Amino acid sequence: MKQFLAQWMPIDASAHGAQVDDLIALVHWLMLILFVIWGAYFLFVLWRFNAKRHPRADHFGARTHVSTYGELGVAVVEVILLVGLSIPAWYRWTHLPQKDKNPFEVRIVAEQFAWNVHYPGPDGVFGRSDPKLMSSTNPLGLDPADPNAKDDIVTLNQLHLPLNRAAVVHITSKDVIHSFKLPVMRSEQDAIPGMDVPIHFTPILSNDNGDRWEIACAQLCGLGHYRMRGQLFVHGPAEFAKWMKSAPTAFSTQ
């Protein structure tokens, strides 16, 4: 099924992506089967019970339980999809990786019309931020007096992640509701002002070969919504260490 989907779906670069794709495919197959069956039944009824064949109306309706059995079958399939695929996937989605698994944590702060990406730097600790300190050169309001903020890295519309390491992305917004979407990671989450909503996934493919992977805004957020786009980079260990070493810190350009 995955090979069949590959020609229609975006690249699947996440560990959980196959399960999401399978669920999408099965739901669409179910909808296609229902469309064909009910469409054929509709045409049959138009022919079988037209006015020429039945000039007098029949007020008794169906005399068999075929429709009941059909509805029951559809319900059984839907329960299987819900209990067998959707609920287990949601359970894994809502349980963040434990700290002892060494996940890579990063913050995404949306604004009209850009993605501000905040990395904790080599010390692994996010610096303190204060909305009062936000400016054009300090979009996240990082406190320059906080020692933990000295090595923090901030990028605009560029998210860099390590390969084969669980990523935890904390998502929020500075203004209106946006929707952070990574098609190749099969991940999406609304960015809501005043809320920190974490999502997680594990990249299993790298685009160090030059492929362009998009960060999209999937929620209409204003007149500039169409240009609220970014790029996702997944690096192998050596390339990621090289990028971290060369990336400018939050205050290096101020």
C-alpha atoms as a PDB file:
ATOM      1  CA  MET A   1       0.000   0.000   0.000  1.00  0.00           C
ATOM      2  CA  LYS A   2       2.884   2.345   0.795  1.00  0.00           C
ATOM      3  CA  GLN A   3       4.319   1.929  -2.726  1.00  0.00           C
ATOM      4  CA  PHE A   4       0.903   2.705  -4.203  1.00  0.00           C
ATOM      5  CA  LEU A   5       0.592   5.849  -2.075  1.00  0.00           C
ATOM      6  CA  ALA A   6       4.122   7.033  -2.834  1.00  0.00           C
ATOM      7  CA  GLN A   7       3.114   8.330  -6.256  1.00  0.00           C
ATOM      8  CA  TRP A   8       0.263  10.424  -4.837  1.00  0.00           C
ATOM      9  CA  MET A   9       1.475  11.557  -1.409  1.00  0.00           C
ATOM     10  CA  PRO A  10       4.351  13.828  -0.321  1.00  0.00           C
ATOM     11  CA  ILE A  11       7.584  12.148   0.728  1.00  0.00           C
ATOM     12  CA  ASP A  12       7.187  10.290   4.018  1.00  0.00           C
ATOM     13  CA  ALA A  13      10.211  11.250   6.126  1.00  0.00           C
ATOM     14  CA  SER A  14       8.894  10.394   9.605  1.00  0.00           C
ATOM     15  CA  ALA A  15       8.778   7.210  11.659  1.00  0.00           C
ATOM     16  CA  HIS A  16       5.017   7.421  12.147  1.00  0.00           C
ATOM     17  CA  GLY A  17       4.155   8.557   8.619  1.00  0.00           C
ATOM     18  CA  ALA A  18       3.341   5.089   7.254  1.00  0.00           C
ATOM     19  CA  GLN A  19       0.589   4.642   9.828  1.00  0.00           C
ATOM     20  CA  VAL A  20      -0.938   7.998   8.927  1.00  0.00           C
ATOM     21  CA  ASP A  21      -0.782   7.174   5.217  1.00  0.00           C
ATOM     22  CA  ASP A  22      -2.375   3.754   5.781  1.00  0.00           C
ATOM     23  CA  LEU A  23      -5.247   5.356   7.677  1.00  0.00           C
ATOM     24  CA  ILE A  24      -5.778   7.941   4.929  1.00  0.00           C
ATOM     25  CA  ALA A  25      -5.702   5.237   2.241  1.00  0.00           C
ATOM     26  CA  LEU A  26      -8.129   2.933   4.052  1.00  0.00           C
ATOM     27  CA  VAL A  27     -10.610   5.740   4.694  1.00  0.00           C
ATOM     28  CA  HIS A  28     -10.507   6.773   1.035  1.00  0.00           C
ATOM     29  CA  TRP A  29     -10.927   3.167  -0.129  1.00  0.00           C
ATOM     30  CA  LEU A  30     -13.981   2.886   2.139  1.00  0.00           C
ATOM     31  CA  MET A  31     -15.407   6.123   0.740  1.00  0.00           C
ATOM     32  CA  LEU A  32     -14.753   4.943  -2.846  1.00  0.00           C
ATOM     33  CA  ILE A  33     -16.502   1.609  -2.236  1.00  0.00           C
ATOM     34  CA  LEU A  34     -19.483   3.373  -0.653  1.00  0.00           C
ATOM     35  CA  PHE A  35     -19.623   5.868  -3.512  1.00  0.00           C
ATOM     36  CA  VAL A  36     -19.659   3.115  -6.136  1.00  0.00           C
ATOM     37  CA  ILE A  37     -22.230   0.960  -4.307  1.00  0.00           C
ATOM     38  CA  TRP A  38     -24.613   3.780  -3.451  1.00  0.00           C
ATOM     39  CA  GLY A  39     -24.195   5.366  -6.888  1.00  0.00           C
ATOM     40  CA  ALA A  40     -25.037   2.063  -8.582  1.00  0.00           C
ATOM     41  CA  TYR A  41     -27.973   1.544  -6.232  1.00  0.00           C
ATOM     42  CA  PHE A  42     -29.252   5.048  -6.981  1.00  0.00           C
ATOM     43  CA  LEU A  43     -29.158   4.389 -10.744  1.00  0.00           C
ATOM     44  CA  PHE A  44     -30.850   1.011 -10.241  1.00  0.00           C
ATOM     45  CA  VAL A  45     -33.665   2.605  -8.238  1.00  0.00           C
ATOM     46  CA  LEU A  46     -34.188   5.277 -10.892  1.00  0.00           C
ATOM     47  CA  TRP A  47     -34.589   2.539 -13.479  1.00  0.00           C
ATOM     48  CA  ARG A  48     -36.458  -0.019 -11.397  1.00  0.00           C
ATOM     49  CA  PHE A  49     -39.035   2.321  -9.890  1.00  0.00           C
ATOM     50  CA  ASN A  50     -39.590   4.905 -12.620  1.00  0.00           C
ATOM     51  CA  ALA A  51     -43.116   6.102 -13.387  1.00  0.00           C
ATOM     52  CA  LYS A  52     -43.484   3.950 -16.503  1.00  0.00           C
ATOM     53  CA  ARG A  53     -42.735   0.737 -14.632  1.00  0.00           C
ATOM     54  CA  HIS A  54     -44.688   1.753 -11.506  1.00  0.00           C
ATOM     55  CA  PRO A  55     -47.471   4.177 -12.302  1.00  0.00           C
ATOM     56  CA  ARG A  56     -48.883   3.618  -8.803  1.00  0.00           C
ATOM     57  CA  ALA A  57     -46.735   4.563  -5.786  1.00  0.00           C
ATOM     58  CA  ASP A  58     -45.684   1.847  -3.315  1.00  0.00           C
ATOM     59  CA  HIS A  59     -45.986   3.163   0.237  1.00  0.00           C
ATOM     60  CA  PHE A  60     -44.592   0.101   2.008  1.00  0.00           C
ATOM     61  CA  GLY A  61     -40.892   0.736   1.238  1.00  0.00           C
ATOM     62  CA  ALA A  62     -38.148  -1.861   1.687  1.00  0.00           C
ATOM     63  CA  ARG A  63     -39.219  -5.359   2.661  1.00  0.00           C
ATOM     64  CA  THR A  64     -35.760  -6.799   3.384  1.00  0.00           C
ATOM     65  CA  HIS A  65     -32.947  -6.034   5.833  1.00  0.00           C
ATOM     66  CA  VAL A  66     -30.221  -5.600   3.192  1.00  0.00           C
ATOM     67  CA  SER A  67     -29.807  -1.896   3.960  1.00  0.00           C
ATOM     68  CA  THR A  68     -29.556  -2.655   7.682  1.00  0.00           C
ATOM     69  CA  TYR A  69     -26.818  -5.214   7.085  1.00  0.00           C
ATOM     70  CA  GLY A  70     -24.989  -2.772   4.822  1.00  0.00           C
ATOM     71  CA  GLU A  71     -25.095  -0.014   7.411  1.00  0.00           C
ATOM     72  CA  LEU A  72     -23.915  -2.453  10.071  1.00  0.00           C
ATOM     73  CA  GLY A  73     -20.989  -3.495   7.854  1.00  0.00           C
ATOM     74  CA  VAL A  74     -19.947   0.122   7.322  1.00  0.00           C
ATOM     75  CA  ALA A  75     -20.140   0.742  11.077  1.00  0.00           C
ATOM     76  CA  VAL A  76     -17.931  -2.298  11.762  1.00  0.00           C
ATOM     77  CA  VAL A  77     -15.292  -1.067   9.307  1.00  0.00           C
ATOM     78  CA  GLU A  78     -15.360   2.417  10.851  1.00  0.00           C
ATOM     79  CA  VAL A  79     -14.930   0.964  14.359  1.00  0.00           C
ATOM     80  CA  ILE A  80     -11.946  -1.071  13.140  1.00  0.00           C
ATOM     81  CA  LEU A  81     -10.359   2.054  11.637  1.00  0.00           C
ATOM     82  CA  LEU A  82     -11.030   4.019  14.811  1.00  0.00           C
ATOM     83  CA  VAL A  83      -9.968   1.427  17.384  1.00  0.00           C
ATOM     84  CA  GLY A  84      -7.293  -0.340  15.338  1.00  0.00           C
ATOM     85  CA  LEU A  85      -5.515   2.673  13.807  1.00  0.00           C
ATOM     86  CA  SER A  86      -6.769   6.100  14.895  1.00  0.00           C
ATOM     87  CA  ILE A  87      -6.835   5.698  18.682  1.00  0.00           C
ATOM     88  CA  PRO A  88      -3.400   3.975  18.911  1.00  0.00           C
ATOM     89  CA  ALA A  89      -1.924   6.681  16.667  1.00  0.00           C
ATOM     90  CA  TRP A  90      -3.489   9.418  18.797  1.00  0.00           C
ATOM     91  CA  TYR A  91      -2.207   7.770  21.971  1.00  0.00           C
ATOM     92  CA  ARG A  92       1.367   7.834  20.661  1.00  0.00           C
ATOM     93  CA  TRP A  93       0.889  11.391  19.389  1.00  0.00           C
ATOM     94  CA  THR A  94      -0.147  12.695  22.813  1.00  0.00           C
ATOM     95  CA  HIS A  95       2.704  11.044  24.758  1.00  0.00           C
ATOM     96  CA  LEU A  96       5.942  12.976  24.407  1.00  0.00           C
ATOM     97  CA  PRO A  97       9.283  11.140  24.388  1.00  0.00           C
ATOM     98  CA  GLN A  98      10.800  10.784  27.837  1.00  0.00           C
ATOM     99  CA  LYS A  99      13.762  12.977  28.748  1.00  0.00           C
ATOM    100  CA  ASP A 100      15.996   9.904  29.027  1.00  0.00           C
ATOM    101  CA  LYS A 101      15.403   9.319  25.291  1.00  0.00           C
ATOM    102  CA  ASN A 102      17.283  12.580  24.648  1.00  0.00           C
ATOM    103  CA  PRO A 103      14.741  14.247  22.336  1.00  0.00           C
ATOM    104  CA  PHE A 104      15.774  17.362  20.438  1.00  0.00           C
ATOM    105  CA  GLU A 105      13.584  20.244  21.629  1.00  0.00           C
ATOM    106  CA  VAL A 106      12.897  23.404  19.663  1.00  0.00           C
ATOM    107  CA  ARG A 107      10.377  26.247  19.877  1.00  0.00           C
ATOM    108  CA  ILE A 108       8.305  27.604  17.003  1.00  0.00           C
ATOM    109  CA  VAL A 109       6.754  31.052  17.495  1.00  0.00           C
ATOM    110  CA  ALA A 110       4.431  32.044  14.667  1.00  0.00           C
ATOM    111  CA  GLU A 111       3.610  35.598  13.658  1.00  0.00           C
ATOM    112  CA  GLN A 112       2.115  37.316  10.652  1.00  0.00           C
ATOM    113  CA  PHE A 113       3.655  36.078   8.378  1.00  0.00           C
ATOM    114  CA  ALA A 114       6.720  34.105   9.460  1.00  0.00           C
ATOM    115  CA  TRP A 115       7.993  31.251  11.615  1.00  0.00           C
ATOM    116  CA  ASN A 116      10.489  32.172  14.344  1.00  0.00           C
ATOM    117  CA  VAL A 117      12.518  29.110  15.336  1.00  0.00           C
ATOM    118  CA  HIS A 118      14.261  29.036  18.726  1.00  0.00           C
ATOM    119  CA  TYR A 119      16.978  26.471  19.560  1.00  0.00           C
ATOM    120  CA  PRO A 120      18.406  26.072  23.072  1.00  0.00           C
ATOM    121  CA  GLY A 121      22.024  26.098  21.900  1.00  0.00           C
ATOM    122  CA  PRO A 122      24.861  23.833  23.082  1.00  0.00           C
ATOM    123  CA  ASP A 123      23.836  24.071  26.756  1.00  0.00           C
ATOM    124  CA  GLY A 124      20.453  22.504  25.952  1.00  0.00           C
ATOM    125  CA  VAL A 125      18.569  25.137  27.984  1.00  0.00           C
ATOM    126  CA  PHE A 126      16.200  27.716  26.516  1.00  0.00           C
ATOM    127  CA  GLY A 127      16.895  31.261  27.581  1.00  0.00           C
ATOM    128  CA  ARG A 128      14.241  33.339  29.318  1.00  0.00           C
ATOM    129  CA  SER A 129      11.970  35.350  27.036  1.00  0.00           C
ATOM    130  CA  ASP A 130       9.799  38.370  27.803  1.00  0.00           C
ATOM    131  CA  PRO A 131       7.217  39.866  25.393  1.00  0.00           C
ATOM    132  CA  LYS A 132       8.291  43.342  26.528  1.00  0.00           C
ATOM    133  CA  LEU A 133      11.731  42.722  25.015  1.00  0.00           C
ATOM    134  CA  MET A 134      10.413  41.812  21.563  1.00  0.00           C
ATOM    135  CA  SER A 135      11.695  43.931  18.706  1.00  0.00           C
ATOM    136  CA  SER A 136      12.607  43.624  15.038  1.00  0.00           C
ATOM    137  CA  THR A 137      16.076  42.354  16.047  1.00  0.00           C
ATOM    138  CA  ASN A 138      14.815  40.277  18.973  1.00  0.00           C
ATOM    139  CA  PRO A 139      11.581  38.701  17.659  1.00  0.00           C
ATOM    140  CA  LEU A 140      11.314  36.224  20.553  1.00  0.00           C
ATOM    141  CA  GLY A 141      12.013  38.716  23.319  1.00  0.00           C
ATOM    142  CA  LEU A 142      15.032  36.818  24.650  1.00  0.00           C
ATOM    143  CA  ASP A 143      16.559  38.354  27.760  1.00  0.00           C
ATOM    144  CA  PRO A 144      20.203  39.265  27.028  1.00  0.00           C
ATOM    145  CA  ALA A 145      20.894  39.279  30.771  1.00  0.00           C
ATOM    146  CA  ASP A 146      19.972  35.607  31.083  1.00  0.00           C
ATOM    147  CA  PRO A 147      23.114  33.413  30.845  1.00  0.00           C
ATOM    148  CA  ASN A 148      21.071  30.582  29.298  1.00  0.00           C
ATOM    149  CA  ALA A 149      20.093  32.845  26.389  1.00  0.00           C
ATOM    150  CA  LYS A 150      23.653  33.693  25.354  1.00  0.00           C
ATOM    151  CA  ASP A 151      24.108  30.602  23.171  1.00  0.00           C
ATOM    152  CA  ASP A 152      20.494  30.285  21.959  1.00  0.00           C
ATOM    153  CA  ILE A 153      20.034  30.136  18.205  1.00  0.00           C
ATOM    154  CA  VAL A 154      17.171  31.879  16.408  1.00  0.00           C
ATOM    155  CA  THR A 155      16.344  31.338  12.736  1.00  0.00           C
ATOM    156  CA  LEU A 156      13.598  32.740  10.542  1.00  0.00           C
ATOM    157  CA  ASN A 157      11.516  30.339   8.432  1.00  0.00           C
ATOM    158  CA  GLN A 158      14.173  27.628   8.709  1.00  0.00           C
ATOM    159  CA  LEU A 159      13.856  24.565  10.923  1.00  0.00           C
ATOM    160  CA  HIS A 160      16.955  22.357  11.259  1.00  0.00           C
ATOM    161  CA  LEU A 161      16.563  18.912  12.860  1.00  0.00           C
ATOM    162  CA  PRO A 162      18.855  15.923  13.424  1.00  0.00           C
ATOM    163  CA  LEU A 163      18.223  12.639  11.652  1.00  0.00           C
ATOM    164  CA  ASN A 164      16.898   9.602  13.570  1.00  0.00           C
ATOM    165  CA  ARG A 165      16.413  11.559  16.789  1.00  0.00           C
ATOM    166  CA  ALA A 166      13.005  12.281  18.301  1.00  0.00           C
ATOM    167  CA  ALA A 167      12.087  15.943  17.841  1.00  0.00           C
ATOM    168  CA  VAL A 168       9.785  17.801  20.239  1.00  0.00           C
ATOM    169  CA  VAL A 169       8.494  21.048  18.756  1.00  0.00           C
ATOM    170  CA  HIS A 170       6.816  23.552  21.105  1.00  0.00           C
ATOM    171  CA  ILE A 171       4.389  25.673  19.085  1.00  0.00           C
ATOM    172  CA  THR A 172       2.825  29.018  19.955  1.00  0.00           C
ATOM    173  CA  SER A 173       1.895  32.313  18.296  1.00  0.00           C
ATOM    174  CA  LYS A 174       2.505  36.020  18.892  1.00  0.00           C
ATOM    175  CA  ASP A 175      -0.668  37.329  17.253  1.00  0.00           C
ATOM    176  CA  VAL A 176      -3.395  35.216  15.615  1.00  0.00           C
ATOM    177  CA  ILE A 177      -4.034  31.501  15.183  1.00  0.00           C
ATOM    178  CA  HIS A 178      -1.744  29.871  12.637  1.00  0.00           C
ATOM    179  CA  SER A 179      -1.296  26.188  11.799  1.00  0.00           C
ATOM    180  CA  PHE A 180       2.199  24.711  11.716  1.00  0.00           C
ATOM    181  CA  LYS A 181       2.267  21.973   9.064  1.00  0.00           C
ATOM    182  CA  LEU A 182       5.118  19.708   7.969  1.00  0.00           C
ATOM    183  CA  PRO A 183       3.728  17.602   5.096  1.00  0.00           C
ATOM    184  CA  VAL A 184       6.773  15.317   4.869  1.00  0.00           C
ATOM    185  CA  MET A 185       6.560  14.607   8.617  1.00  0.00           C
ATOM    186  CA  ARG A 186       2.795  14.041   8.552  1.00  0.00           C
ATOM    187  CA  SER A 187       2.518  16.532  11.414  1.00  0.00           C
ATOM    188  CA  GLU A 188       0.289  19.549  11.935  1.00  0.00           C
ATOM    189  CA  GLN A 189      -0.681  21.653  14.944  1.00  0.00           C
ATOM    190  CA  ASP A 190      -2.448  24.982  15.427  1.00  0.00           C
ATOM    191  CA  ALA A 191      -0.263  27.756  16.826  1.00  0.00           C
ATOM    192  CA  ILE A 192      -2.438  29.469  19.426  1.00  0.00           C
ATOM    193  CA  PRO A 193      -1.562  32.743  21.196  1.00  0.00           C
ATOM    194  CA  GLY A 194      -0.830  32.212  24.880  1.00  0.00           C
ATOM    195  CA  MET A 195      -0.529  28.428  24.577  1.00  0.00           C
ATOM    196  CA  ASP A 196       2.544  26.208  24.279  1.00  0.00           C
ATOM    197  CA  VAL A 197       1.451  23.068  22.411  1.00  0.00           C
ATOM    198  CA  PRO A 198       4.167  20.429  21.894  1.00  0.00           C
ATOM    199  CA  ILE A 199       4.188  17.919  19.051  1.00  0.00           C
ATOM    200  CA  HIS A 200       6.741  15.214  18.372  1.00  0.00           C
ATOM    201  CA  PHE A 201       7.997  13.027  15.544  1.00  0.00           C
ATOM    202  CA  THR A 202      11.189  11.273  14.489  1.00  0.00           C
ATOM    203  CA  PRO A 203      12.756  12.185  11.119  1.00  0.00           C
ATOM    204  CA  ILE A 204      14.034   9.074   9.331  1.00  0.00           C
ATOM    205  CA  LEU A 205      15.084  10.679   6.050  1.00  0.00           C
ATOM    206  CA  SER A 206      17.555  13.487   5.415  1.00  0.00           C
ATOM    207  CA  ASN A 207      17.400  16.164   2.734  1.00  0.00           C
ATOM    208  CA  ASP A 208      21.100  16.950   2.820  1.00  0.00           C
ATOM    209  CA  ASN A 209      20.941  16.094  -0.885  1.00  0.00           C
ATOM    210  CA  GLY A 210      19.273  19.447  -1.560  1.00  0.00           C
ATOM    211  CA  ASP A 211      15.580  18.496  -1.597  1.00  0.00           C
ATOM    212  CA  ARG A 212      13.308  21.342  -0.487  1.00  0.00           C
ATOM    213  CA  TRP A 213      10.859  20.421   2.280  1.00  0.00           C
ATOM    214  CA  GLU A 214       8.187  22.959   3.148  1.00  0.00           C
ATOM    215  CA  ILE A 215       6.882  24.423   6.367  1.00  0.00           C
ATOM    216  CA  ALA A 216       3.345  25.552   5.587  1.00  0.00           C
ATOM    217  CA  CYS A 217       0.692  27.543   7.399  1.00  0.00           C
ATOM    218  CA  ALA A 218      -2.526  25.537   7.102  1.00  0.00           C
ATOM    219  CA  GLN A 219      -4.776  28.165   8.716  1.00  0.00           C
ATOM    220  CA  LEU A 220      -5.901  31.357   6.992  1.00  0.00           C
ATOM    221  CA  CYS A 221      -4.167  33.997   9.104  1.00  0.00           C
ATOM    222  CA  GLY A 222      -4.414  37.243   7.159  1.00  0.00           C
ATOM    223  CA  LEU A 223      -3.684  38.886   3.830  1.00  0.00           C
ATOM    224  CA  GLY A 224      -0.105  37.566   3.790  1.00  0.00           C
ATOM    225  CA  HIS A 225      -1.083  33.963   4.557  1.00  0.00           C
ATOM    226  CA  TYR A 226      -0.006  32.838   1.080  1.00  0.00           C
ATOM    227  CA  ARG A 227       3.633  33.777   1.757  1.00  0.00           C
ATOM    228  CA  MET A 228       3.919  32.298   5.246  1.00  0.00           C
ATOM    229  CA  ARG A 229       6.228  29.497   4.203  1.00  0.00           C
ATOM    230  CA  GLY A 230       9.452  28.071   5.557  1.00  0.00           C
ATOM    231  CA  GLN A 231      11.924  25.278   4.937  1.00  0.00           C
ATOM    232  CA  LEU A 232      12.644  22.114   6.879  1.00  0.00           C
ATOM    233  CA  PHE A 233      16.170  20.697   6.917  1.00  0.00           C
ATOM    234  CA  VAL A 234      16.954  17.242   8.324  1.00  0.00           C
ATOM    235  CA  HIS A 235      20.689  16.646   8.702  1.00  0.00           C
ATOM    236  CA  GLY A 236      22.808  13.610   9.342  1.00  0.00           C
ATOM    237  CA  PRO A 237      24.893  13.708  12.556  1.00  0.00           C
ATOM    238  CA  ALA A 238      27.978  15.302  11.001  1.00  0.00           C
ATOM    239  CA  GLU A 239      26.029  17.886   9.001  1.00  0.00           C
ATOM    240  CA  PHE A 240      23.837  18.796  11.982  1.00  0.00           C
ATOM    241  CA  ALA A 241      26.856  19.275  14.263  1.00  0.00           C
ATOM    242  CA  LYS A 242      28.418  21.444  11.542  1.00  0.00           C
ATOM    243  CA  TRP A 243      25.282  23.560  11.258  1.00  0.00           C
ATOM    244  CA  MET A 244      24.955  23.987  15.045  1.00  0.00           C
ATOM    245  CA  LYS A 245      28.557  25.139  15.224  1.00  0.00           C
ATOM    246  CA  SER A 246      28.161  27.683  12.428  1.00  0.00           C
ATOM    247  CA  ALA A 247      24.653  28.951  13.256  1.00  0.00           C
ATOM    248  CA  PRO A 248      24.626  32.504  14.636  1.00  0.00           C
ATOM    249  CA  THR A 249      23.432  32.966  18.202  1.00  0.00           C
ATOM    250  CA  ALA A 250      20.429  35.133  18.998  1.00  0.00           C
ATOM    251  CA  PHE A 251      22.537  38.180  19.907  1.00  0.00           C
ATOM    252  CA  SER A 252      25.464  37.746  17.541  1.00  0.00           C
ATOM    253  CA  THR A 253      23.949  40.085  14.954  1.00  0.00           C
ATOM    254  CA  GLN A 254      22.647  42.739  17.362  1.00  0.00           C
END
